[in-house]
Amino acid sequence: MPIYAYKCASCGFAQDEMQKVSDALLTVCPSCGKADYAKQVAAPGFALKGNGWYATDFKGGNSKPAEPKPDAPSPACGTGACPACN
């Protein structure tokens, strides 16, 4: 069951609520009783790691690294080793 973050706009009370996706939104603040209790936007609590479907199908593991821009300075710029320094 997903956990949603809620916060009251009136009193600032914040709490995580476990609800079904099909449950109605909560609107009444359990702290002050006003109808200013709203669901907050939050980042997901998971990360795709390892060498599973994400790494092999969507991450672009076999693609070439991006070519540097032609007008971008070389990593050795400032040492006198690149054409831009001469």
Protein backbone atom coordinates (compact mmCIF):
# COMPACT_ATOMS: atom_id res chain seq x y z
CA MET A 1 0.00 0.00 0.00
CA PRO A 2 1.47 3.43 -0.91
CA ILE A 3 2.44 6.00 1.70
CA TYR A 4 1.46 9.60 0.96
CA ALA A 5 2.74 12.77 2.63
CA TYR A 6 0.05 15.18 3.83
CA LYS A 7 0.36 18.67 5.30
CA CYS A 8 -2.16 21.12 6.75
CA ALA A 9 -2.05 24.61 5.24
CA SER A 10 -3.61 26.13 8.39
CA CYS A 11 -1.53 24.76 11.26
CA GLY A 12 1.45 23.21 9.42
CA PHE A 13 0.86 19.71 10.82
CA ALA A 14 2.50 17.12 8.55
CA GLN A 15 2.13 13.34 8.58
CA ASP A 16 2.61 10.34 6.29
CA GLU A 17 -0.58 8.38 5.61
CA MET A 18 -0.82 4.82 4.31
CA GLN A 19 -3.73 4.58 1.84
CA LYS A 20 -4.92 2.47 -1.04
CA VAL A 21 -4.69 4.11 -4.45
CA SER A 22 -8.48 3.90 -4.68
CA ASP A 23 -9.06 5.62 -1.28
CA ALA A 24 -10.44 9.16 -1.23
CA LEU A 25 -8.03 11.99 -0.44
CA LEU A 26 -7.88 13.10 3.18
CA THR A 27 -8.99 16.70 3.64
CA VAL A 28 -9.59 17.20 7.39
CA CYS A 29 -6.47 17.85 9.49
CA PRO A 30 -6.21 15.43 12.45
CA SER A 31 -4.49 18.15 14.51
CA CYS A 32 -6.65 21.28 14.08
CA GLY A 33 -9.76 19.83 12.40
CA LYS A 34 -9.78 22.28 9.50
CA ALA A 35 -10.33 21.17 5.91
CA ASP A 36 -6.87 22.31 4.76
CA TYR A 37 -5.14 18.90 4.86
CA ALA A 38 -3.62 18.22 1.41
CA LYS A 39 -1.42 15.61 -0.23
CA GLN A 40 2.14 16.78 -0.93
CA VAL A 41 4.30 16.07 -3.97
CA ALA A 42 7.23 13.86 -2.95
CA ALA A 43 10.05 11.96 -4.63
CA PRO A 44 9.62 8.20 -5.05
CA GLY A 45 11.29 6.07 -2.41
CA PHE A 46 13.09 3.61 -4.66
CA ALA A 47 16.08 3.48 -6.95
CA LEU A 48 16.80 1.14 -9.83
CA LYS A 49 20.24 -0.39 -9.29
CA GLY A 50 22.21 -3.37 -10.51
CA ASN A 51 22.39 -4.92 -13.94
CA GLY A 52 18.74 -5.80 -14.44
CA TRP A 53 16.33 -4.61 -17.12
CA TYR A 54 16.91 -0.92 -16.37
CA ALA A 55 20.68 -1.06 -16.86
CA THR A 56 20.49 -3.20 -19.97
CA ASP A 57 17.42 -1.80 -21.73
CA PHE A 58 17.03 1.85 -20.76
CA LYS A 59 20.26 3.17 -19.29
CA GLY A 60 22.21 3.00 -22.57
CA GLY A 61 25.06 0.91 -21.15
CA ASN A 62 26.49 0.00 -24.59
CA SER A 63 26.31 3.45 -26.14
CA LYS A 64 29.38 5.59 -26.85
CA PRO A 65 30.18 8.43 -24.49
CA ALA A 66 29.17 11.84 -25.74
CA GLU A 67 31.74 13.60 -27.92
CA PRO A 68 33.03 16.89 -26.48
CA LYS A 69 31.76 20.03 -28.10
CA PRO A 70 34.23 21.46 -30.65
CA ASP A 71 34.33 24.87 -28.96
CA ALA A 72 34.72 23.42 -25.46
CA PRO A 73 38.20 23.67 -23.93
CA SER A 74 40.25 20.52 -23.66
CA PRO A 75 40.61 18.90 -20.22
CA ALA A 76 44.29 19.88 -20.46
CA CYS A 77 43.46 23.52 -21.21
CA GLY A 78 45.55 25.94 -19.20
CA THR A 79 48.60 23.71 -19.17
CA GLY A 80 49.76 24.68 -22.66
CA ALA A 81 49.03 21.19 -24.00
CA CYS A 82 45.91 21.98 -26.02
CA PRO A 83 45.54 23.85 -29.36
CA ALA A 84 43.53 26.63 -27.68
CA CYS A 85 46.48 27.51 -25.41
CA ASN A 86 48.98 27.90 -28.30
